[in-house]
Protein backbone atom coordinates (compact mmCIF):
# COMPACT_ATOMS: atom_id res chain seq x y z
CA MET A 1 48.35 -37.37 43.94
CA GLY A 2 46.18 -40.24 45.07
CA GLY A 3 46.69 -43.26 42.85
CA GLY A 4 47.97 -41.05 40.06
CA PRO A 5 51.30 -41.15 38.31
CA VAL A 6 54.66 -40.52 39.86
CA ASP A 7 56.61 -37.93 37.92
CA GLY A 8 60.05 -38.99 36.74
CA GLU A 9 62.86 -38.12 34.39
CA ASN A 10 64.32 -39.66 31.30
CA ALA A 11 67.99 -40.43 30.91
CA ASP A 12 68.57 -36.99 29.42
CA GLY A 13 67.02 -35.31 32.49
CA SER A 14 63.75 -34.37 30.80
CA ALA A 15 60.47 -35.01 32.56
CA SER A 16 58.67 -38.30 32.15
CA THR A 17 55.81 -40.04 33.91
CA VAL A 18 56.32 -43.31 35.75
CA HIS A 19 53.23 -45.05 37.07
CA PRO A 20 53.39 -46.95 40.35
CA GLY A 21 53.83 -50.63 39.61
CA THR A 22 55.35 -50.04 36.18
CA ASP A 23 58.55 -48.17 37.03
CA HIS A 24 61.97 -49.80 37.29
CA PRO A 25 62.26 -52.51 39.96
CA GLY A 26 64.15 -51.72 42.28
CA THR A 27 77.15 -47.77 62.47
CA ASP A 28 74.50 -50.65 62.95
CA GLU A 29 73.90 -54.29 62.13
CA SER A 30 72.59 -53.31 58.74
CA GLY A 31 76.14 -52.50 57.85
CA SER A 32 76.21 -48.78 57.38
CA ASP A 33 77.50 -45.93 59.49
CA GLN A 34 74.87 -43.65 58.01
CA PRO A 35 71.23 -43.84 59.06
CA GLY A 36 68.29 -43.65 56.76
CA THR A 37 65.18 -41.59 56.75
CA GLU A 38 63.12 -44.13 58.67
CA SER A 39 62.80 -47.85 59.29
CA ALA A 40 60.05 -50.15 60.45
CA GLY A 41 59.07 -49.38 64.05
CA HIS A 42 60.93 -46.07 64.17
CA VAL A 43 59.94 -42.49 63.61
CA PRO A 44 61.88 -40.42 61.08
CA VAL A 45 65.08 -38.83 62.30
CA LEU A 46 64.49 -35.72 64.46
CA VAL A 47 60.91 -35.50 63.19
CA ARG A 48 59.68 -33.21 65.99
CA ARG A 49 62.61 -30.84 65.63
CA VAL A 50 62.10 -30.68 61.87
CA ASP A 51 58.48 -29.65 62.41
CA GLU A 52 59.47 -27.06 65.04
CA LEU A 53 61.87 -25.46 62.60
CA LEU A 54 59.70 -25.54 59.48
CA ALA A 55 56.29 -24.88 61.06
CA PRO A 56 56.68 -21.09 61.54
CA ALA A 57 57.24 -20.56 57.81
CA ILE A 58 54.35 -22.84 56.87
CA GLU A 59 51.95 -21.31 59.41
CA ALA A 60 52.88 -17.73 58.53
CA ALA A 61 52.21 -18.36 54.85
CA THR A 62 48.91 -20.04 55.72
CA ARG A 63 47.81 -17.12 57.92
CA SER A 64 48.70 -14.64 55.19
CA GLY A 65 46.26 -16.38 52.85
CA ALA A 66 48.84 -17.92 50.49
CA ARG A 67 47.00 -20.10 48.01
CA ASP A 68 49.81 -22.65 47.70
CA VAL A 69 51.95 -23.42 50.76
CA VAL A 70 54.66 -25.86 49.70
CA LEU A 71 57.28 -28.02 51.38
CA VAL A 72 59.83 -29.71 49.16
CA ASP A 73 60.99 -32.96 50.73
CA ALA A 74 64.12 -33.35 48.63
CA THR A 75 64.96 -36.79 50.05
CA LEU A 76 61.56 -38.43 50.37
CA GLY A 77 62.68 -41.95 51.28
CA MET A 78 59.68 -43.88 52.57
CA GLY A 79 57.85 -40.64 53.28
CA GLY A 80 58.11 -40.45 57.07
CA HIS A 81 58.83 -36.74 57.34
CA THR A 82 56.28 -35.93 54.66
CA LEU A 83 53.60 -37.94 56.47
CA ALA A 84 54.31 -36.09 59.71
CA MET A 85 54.33 -32.65 58.11
CA LEU A 86 51.11 -33.22 56.15
CA SER A 87 49.37 -34.49 59.27
CA ALA A 88 50.47 -31.45 61.28
CA HIS A 89 49.64 -28.83 58.63
CA PRO A 90 46.32 -29.30 56.81
CA ALA A 91 46.97 -26.51 54.29
CA LEU A 92 50.38 -27.82 53.29
CA ARG A 93 51.27 -29.33 49.93
CA VAL A 94 54.40 -31.44 49.55
CA ILE A 95 56.60 -32.12 46.55
CA GLY A 96 58.59 -35.24 47.35
CA ILE A 97 61.77 -35.99 45.40
CA ASP A 98 63.69 -39.26 45.38
CA ARG A 99 65.95 -41.01 42.89
CA ASP A 100 64.98 -44.48 44.17
CA PRO A 101 61.90 -45.93 42.42
CA GLN A 102 61.39 -48.46 45.21
CA ALA A 103 61.28 -45.71 47.82
CA LEU A 104 58.76 -43.78 45.73
CA ARG A 105 56.50 -46.82 45.50
CA ILE A 106 56.62 -47.36 49.26
CA ALA A 107 56.01 -43.67 49.99
CA GLN A 108 53.08 -43.57 47.55
CA ARG A 109 51.48 -46.55 49.28
CA ARG A 110 51.96 -45.13 52.77
CA LEU A 111 50.59 -41.73 51.79
CA THR A 112 47.59 -43.31 50.11
CA GLU A 113 46.87 -45.49 53.15
CA ALA A 114 47.05 -42.38 55.35
CA GLY A 115 44.59 -40.52 53.10
CA LEU A 116 47.15 -37.79 52.37
CA SER A 117 48.19 -38.56 48.82
CA GLU A 118 46.04 -35.82 47.25
CA ARG A 119 48.33 -33.19 48.79
CA VAL A 120 51.56 -34.75 47.53
CA GLU A 121 53.33 -34.84 44.20
CA LEU A 122 56.11 -37.40 43.95
CA VAL A 123 59.01 -36.80 41.57
CA HIS A 124 61.56 -39.37 40.41
CA ALA A 125 64.77 -37.35 40.25
CA VAL A 126 68.08 -36.66 41.95
CA TYR A 127 67.72 -33.75 44.34
CA ASP A 128 70.15 -31.59 42.38
CA ARG A 129 67.20 -31.06 40.01
CA ILE A 130 65.31 -29.29 42.79
CA GLY A 131 65.33 -25.97 40.92
CA ASP A 132 63.70 -27.44 37.82
CA VAL A 133 61.23 -29.41 39.94
CA ILE A 134 60.08 -26.26 41.77
CA ALA A 135 59.99 -24.10 38.65
CA GLU A 136 57.80 -26.63 36.85
CA ARG A 137 55.37 -27.23 39.72
CA VAL A 138 55.07 -24.06 41.81
CA GLY A 139 53.69 -20.74 40.62
CA GLY A 140 56.33 -18.06 41.03
CA GLY A 141 59.02 -20.67 41.64
CA ARG A 142 59.21 -20.03 45.40
CA VAL A 143 58.38 -22.37 48.29
CA GLN A 144 58.03 -21.89 52.02
CA ALA A 145 60.00 -24.90 53.26
CA ILE A 146 62.69 -27.31 52.07
CA LEU A 147 63.97 -30.44 53.80
CA PHE A 148 67.04 -32.54 53.03
CA ASP A 149 67.61 -35.77 55.01
CA LEU A 150 70.86 -36.96 53.47
CA GLY A 151 72.67 -40.28 53.37
CA VAL A 152 71.28 -43.69 52.56
CA SER A 153 67.66 -44.50 53.40
CA SER A 154 66.31 -47.46 55.30
CA VAL A 155 64.69 -48.89 52.19
CA GLN A 156 68.19 -49.21 50.74
CA LEU A 157 69.90 -50.46 53.91
CA ASP A 158 67.23 -53.00 54.74
CA GLU A 159 67.10 -54.61 51.28
CA ALA A 160 70.16 -56.86 51.38
CA ASP A 161 70.31 -57.38 47.61
CA ARG A 162 70.92 -53.66 47.02
CA GLY A 163 74.51 -54.08 48.19
CA PHE A 164 74.61 -51.10 50.59
CA ALA A 165 75.12 -53.13 53.77
CA TYR A 166 78.45 -54.74 54.55
CA ALA A 167 76.79 -57.11 57.05
CA HIS A 168 75.15 -59.09 54.21
CA ASP A 169 76.70 -60.79 51.20
CA ALA A 170 75.03 -59.26 48.15
CA PRO A 171 75.84 -58.04 44.64
CA LEU A 172 78.09 -54.96 44.74
CA ASP A 173 75.58 -52.50 43.34
CA MET A 174 74.95 -49.54 45.73
CA ARG A 175 73.04 -47.47 43.14
CA MET A 176 70.20 -45.50 44.69
CA ASP A 177 68.50 -45.67 41.30
CA PRO A 178 69.19 -49.23 40.11
CA ALA A 179 68.37 -48.30 36.52
CA THR A 180 71.09 -45.71 35.98
CA GLY A 181 74.77 -45.13 36.55
CA ILE A 182 77.78 -47.26 37.38
CA SER A 183 77.70 -49.94 40.08
CA ALA A 184 80.16 -50.37 42.93
CA ALA A 185 81.50 -53.50 41.25
CA GLU A 186 82.29 -51.50 38.12
CA VAL A 187 84.11 -48.89 40.19
CA ILE A 188 86.22 -51.51 41.98
CA ASN A 189 87.00 -53.49 38.84
CA SER A 190 87.76 -50.64 36.45
CA TYR A 191 89.11 -47.57 38.28
CA PRO A 192 92.89 -47.06 38.37
CA GLY A 193 94.54 -47.74 41.71
CA ALA A 194 95.32 -44.05 42.25
CA GLU A 195 91.68 -43.10 41.73
CA LEU A 196 90.51 -45.82 44.14
CA THR A 197 92.97 -44.47 46.70
CA ARG A 198 91.60 -40.95 46.27
CA ILE A 199 87.99 -42.08 46.64
CA LEU A 200 88.68 -44.10 49.77
CA ARG A 201 90.71 -41.30 51.33
CA GLU A 202 88.41 -38.38 50.44
CA TYR A 203 84.96 -39.95 50.63
CA GLY A 204 85.60 -42.61 53.27
CA GLU A 205 88.22 -40.69 55.25
CA GLU A 206 90.06 -44.02 55.28
CA ARG A 207 93.57 -43.91 56.78
CA PHE A 208 94.62 -47.05 54.93
CA ALA A 209 93.26 -46.04 51.53
CA ARG A 210 96.45 -46.83 49.62
CA ARG A 211 96.82 -50.27 51.20
CA ILE A 212 93.22 -51.18 50.45
CA ALA A 213 93.38 -49.86 46.87
CA THR A 214 96.60 -51.76 46.19
CA ALA A 215 95.01 -54.96 47.48
CA LEU A 216 91.89 -54.36 45.36
CA VAL A 217 93.91 -53.93 42.16
CA ALA A 218 95.92 -57.09 42.82
CA GLU A 219 92.90 -59.17 43.75
CA ARG A 220 90.67 -58.02 40.87
CA ALA A 221 93.38 -59.13 38.43
CA ARG A 222 92.91 -62.63 39.78
CA GLN A 223 89.11 -62.46 39.71
CA PRO A 224 86.74 -59.47 39.35
CA PHE A 225 84.71 -58.46 42.40
CA THR A 226 80.99 -59.18 42.24
CA THR A 227 79.75 -59.51 45.85
CA SER A 228 80.17 -57.63 49.11
CA ALA A 229 81.48 -60.45 51.33
CA ARG A 230 84.69 -60.78 49.31
CA LEU A 231 85.24 -57.02 49.52
CA VAL A 232 84.71 -57.02 53.29
CA GLU A 233 87.27 -59.80 53.74
CA LEU A 234 89.81 -58.02 51.55
CA VAL A 235 89.49 -54.80 53.54
CA ARG A 236 89.77 -56.71 56.81
CA ALA A 237 92.96 -58.39 55.62
CA ALA A 238 94.46 -55.19 54.19
CA ILE A 239 94.43 -53.08 57.37
CA PRO A 240 96.60 -53.59 60.48
CA ALA A 241 95.39 -56.13 63.02
CA ALA A 242 95.23 -53.53 65.80
CA THR A 243 92.85 -51.39 63.74
CA ARG A 244 90.62 -54.40 63.01
CA ARG A 245 89.94 -54.80 66.73
CA THR A 246 88.46 -51.33 67.23
CA GLY A 247 85.97 -48.99 65.60
CA GLY A 248 83.38 -51.44 64.32
CA ASN A 249 83.45 -53.19 60.97
CA PRO A 250 86.66 -52.17 59.18
CA ALA A 251 84.84 -52.10 55.82
CA LYS A 252 82.40 -49.34 56.78
CA ARG A 253 84.55 -46.50 55.41
CA THR A 254 85.20 -48.34 52.16
CA PHE A 255 81.48 -48.95 51.67
CA GLN A 256 80.70 -45.30 52.43
CA ALA A 257 83.29 -44.13 49.91
CA LEU A 258 82.05 -46.42 47.16
CA ARG A 259 78.42 -45.44 47.74
CA ILE A 260 79.26 -41.74 47.57
CA GLU A 261 81.20 -42.26 44.33
CA VAL A 262 78.55 -44.46 42.71
CA ASN A 263 75.76 -41.96 43.41
CA ASP A 264 77.79 -38.72 43.12
CA GLU A 265 76.31 -37.79 46.48
CA LEU A 266 78.66 -34.93 47.33
CA GLY A 267 78.54 -33.47 43.83
CA ALA A 268 74.73 -33.58 43.85
CA LEU A 269 74.67 -31.90 47.27
CA GLN A 270 77.06 -29.15 46.18
CA ARG A 271 74.78 -28.42 43.24
CA ALA A 272 71.51 -28.74 45.15
CA ILE A 273 71.90 -26.52 48.22
CA PRO A 274 72.63 -23.20 46.44
CA VAL A 275 69.74 -23.76 44.04
CA ALA A 276 67.40 -24.72 46.87
CA LEU A 277 68.24 -21.49 48.70
CA GLN A 278 67.41 -19.48 45.58
CA HIS A 279 63.91 -20.96 45.52
CA LEU A 280 62.99 -20.15 49.14
CA SER A 281 60.55 -17.30 49.62
CA VAL A 282 61.29 -14.55 52.13
CA ALA A 283 60.66 -16.04 55.60
CA GLY A 284 61.02 -19.48 54.02
CA ARG A 285 63.07 -22.06 55.89
CA ILE A 286 65.47 -24.87 55.00
CA VAL A 287 66.47 -27.81 57.20
CA VAL A 288 69.33 -30.13 56.27
CA MET A 289 70.28 -33.28 58.15
CA SER A 290 73.63 -34.82 57.33
CA TYR A 291 75.33 -37.92 58.70
CA GLN A 292 79.04 -37.41 58.12
CA SER A 293 81.45 -34.51 58.13
CA LEU A 294 81.81 -34.23 54.34
CA GLU A 295 78.10 -33.55 53.88
CA ASP A 296 77.86 -31.21 56.85
CA ARG A 297 80.82 -29.18 55.59
CA ILE A 298 79.20 -28.69 52.18
CA VAL A 299 75.95 -27.52 53.77
CA LYS A 300 77.69 -25.09 56.12
CA ARG A 301 79.85 -23.61 53.36
CA ALA A 302 76.85 -23.09 51.09
CA ILE A 303 74.74 -21.26 53.66
CA ALA A 304 77.26 -19.45 55.89
CA PRO A 305 78.36 -16.75 53.38
CA LEU A 306 74.72 -15.71 52.96
CA THR A 307 74.30 -15.11 56.70
CA VAL A 308 76.85 -12.28 56.92
CA SER A 309 76.92 -8.74 55.62
CA THR A 310 79.03 -7.96 52.56
CA THR A 311 79.30 -4.29 53.50
CA PRO A 312 82.97 -3.22 53.90
CA LEU A 313 84.03 -3.50 57.53
CA ASP A 314 84.99 0.15 57.80
CA LEU A 315 81.42 1.35 57.14
CA PRO A 316 79.13 1.88 60.17
CA VAL A 317 75.91 0.57 58.57
CA ASP A 318 74.98 -2.04 55.98
CA LEU A 319 74.80 -0.79 52.44
CA PRO A 320 71.52 -1.49 50.62
CA GLY A 321 71.61 -5.01 49.22
CA HIS A 322 74.65 -5.98 51.28
CA ASP A 323 72.92 -7.11 54.46
CA PRO A 324 72.56 -10.88 55.06
CA GLU A 325 70.10 -12.84 52.94
CA PHE A 326 69.76 -15.66 55.49
CA ALA A 327 69.88 -16.12 59.24
CA TRP A 328 70.85 -19.32 61.02
CA LEU A 329 68.08 -20.94 63.05
CA THR A 330 70.49 -23.35 64.73
CA ARG A 331 73.65 -22.63 66.65
CA GLY A 332 76.14 -24.84 64.88
CA ALA A 333 74.96 -28.32 64.01
CA GLU A 334 72.33 -29.78 66.34
CA ILE A 335 72.60 -33.43 67.35
CA PRO A 336 69.95 -35.89 68.57
CA ASN A 337 69.34 -36.28 72.29
CA GLU A 338 69.51 -39.61 74.09
CA TYR A 339 65.77 -40.17 73.77
CA GLU A 340 65.88 -39.70 70.01
CA ILE A 341 68.79 -42.11 69.66
CA GLN A 342 67.06 -44.73 71.81
CA ALA A 343 63.92 -44.42 69.72
CA ASN A 344 65.87 -44.55 66.46
CA PRO A 345 69.50 -45.76 66.73
CA ARG A 346 70.18 -44.74 63.15
CA ALA A 347 69.82 -41.11 64.23
CA ALA A 348 73.00 -41.26 66.31
CA SER A 349 75.25 -39.55 63.76
CA ALA A 350 72.71 -36.98 62.54
CA ARG A 351 73.76 -33.33 62.36
CA LEU A 352 71.01 -30.78 61.70
CA ARG A 353 71.39 -27.23 60.38
CA ALA A 354 68.58 -24.82 59.56
CA ALA A 355 68.32 -21.31 58.14
CA GLN A 356 65.68 -18.76 57.14
CA ARG A 357 65.63 -16.34 54.22
CA ILE A 358 65.31 -12.82 55.65
CA ARG A 359 65.43 -10.77 52.45
CA GLU A 360 65.34 -11.14 48.70
CA ALA A 361 68.58 -11.78 46.89
CA THR A 362 70.12 -8.78 45.15
CA SER A 363 69.74 -9.20 41.40
């Protein structure tokens, strides 16, 4: 889009236009067990593998003479994957989605500096709006490639005042879009103890969820929580001493759980993947990188049923319209190799799945 506007959405979900410079301000030492899309001095996570998986769909559409070959980068971040894909595929157009205005500003600048911004449209939205975004911007509502790089991005981890990192004392915010939604402090200070226990157990997979939630309720009655350092110390004190000595910072699961709750990450993912699959053209490909088991499970469960026949088992051949819609391109979840992890330590927990649409859906 060059120096043009960044598309956005109003509070009611309708489209709006946010111009760069006028939109809302915005297991490592950064204090998160989930890596981001990219950080200074590092390439994006599994960038070569992402290109290997998506390139056949992009190149096939280009060879066939398609007038608009589109990749939707549903988690743009600072634009690392988009930069790589645009550089590798001259006929490609990218629609980049991100809920974080700061990430959009950074990505816009990087794309402009690389001379690639004319082939990109940036959209300020949560990725569960991917269906609307495609329908509004792509003729026919079908695209050749979709990428999700889930979790928290480096722009969020590396800005201490965003509150994502437990290694830095900062306001307890954790909103990916600082202009909307409830903050982590509001969750801690207002949720009932039983709900805090559920969030810590389900989203953080925290063994000591009840102990931590009980301590939070007692301590917030004395003084509301406002900063991360106090939360870290409470979690450290609430869990058994033996557990504190192993497994890294004991607050990492609590921070993960709060971030997921604040941003409705799992709900957005459950809504987004099925819709994204609907908008892939035949031979189109989707790649999803997740960083913890809850995300990976959602992705697998959304795609797996579409990769098997629905013909009754006692019939010798597939009935028309009952053969698989998708085929897996990966065997299980792929993980980074040692070289990738050395080059980008935040890639260590990445799990990649990819699939291809092999026929139209039955109406």
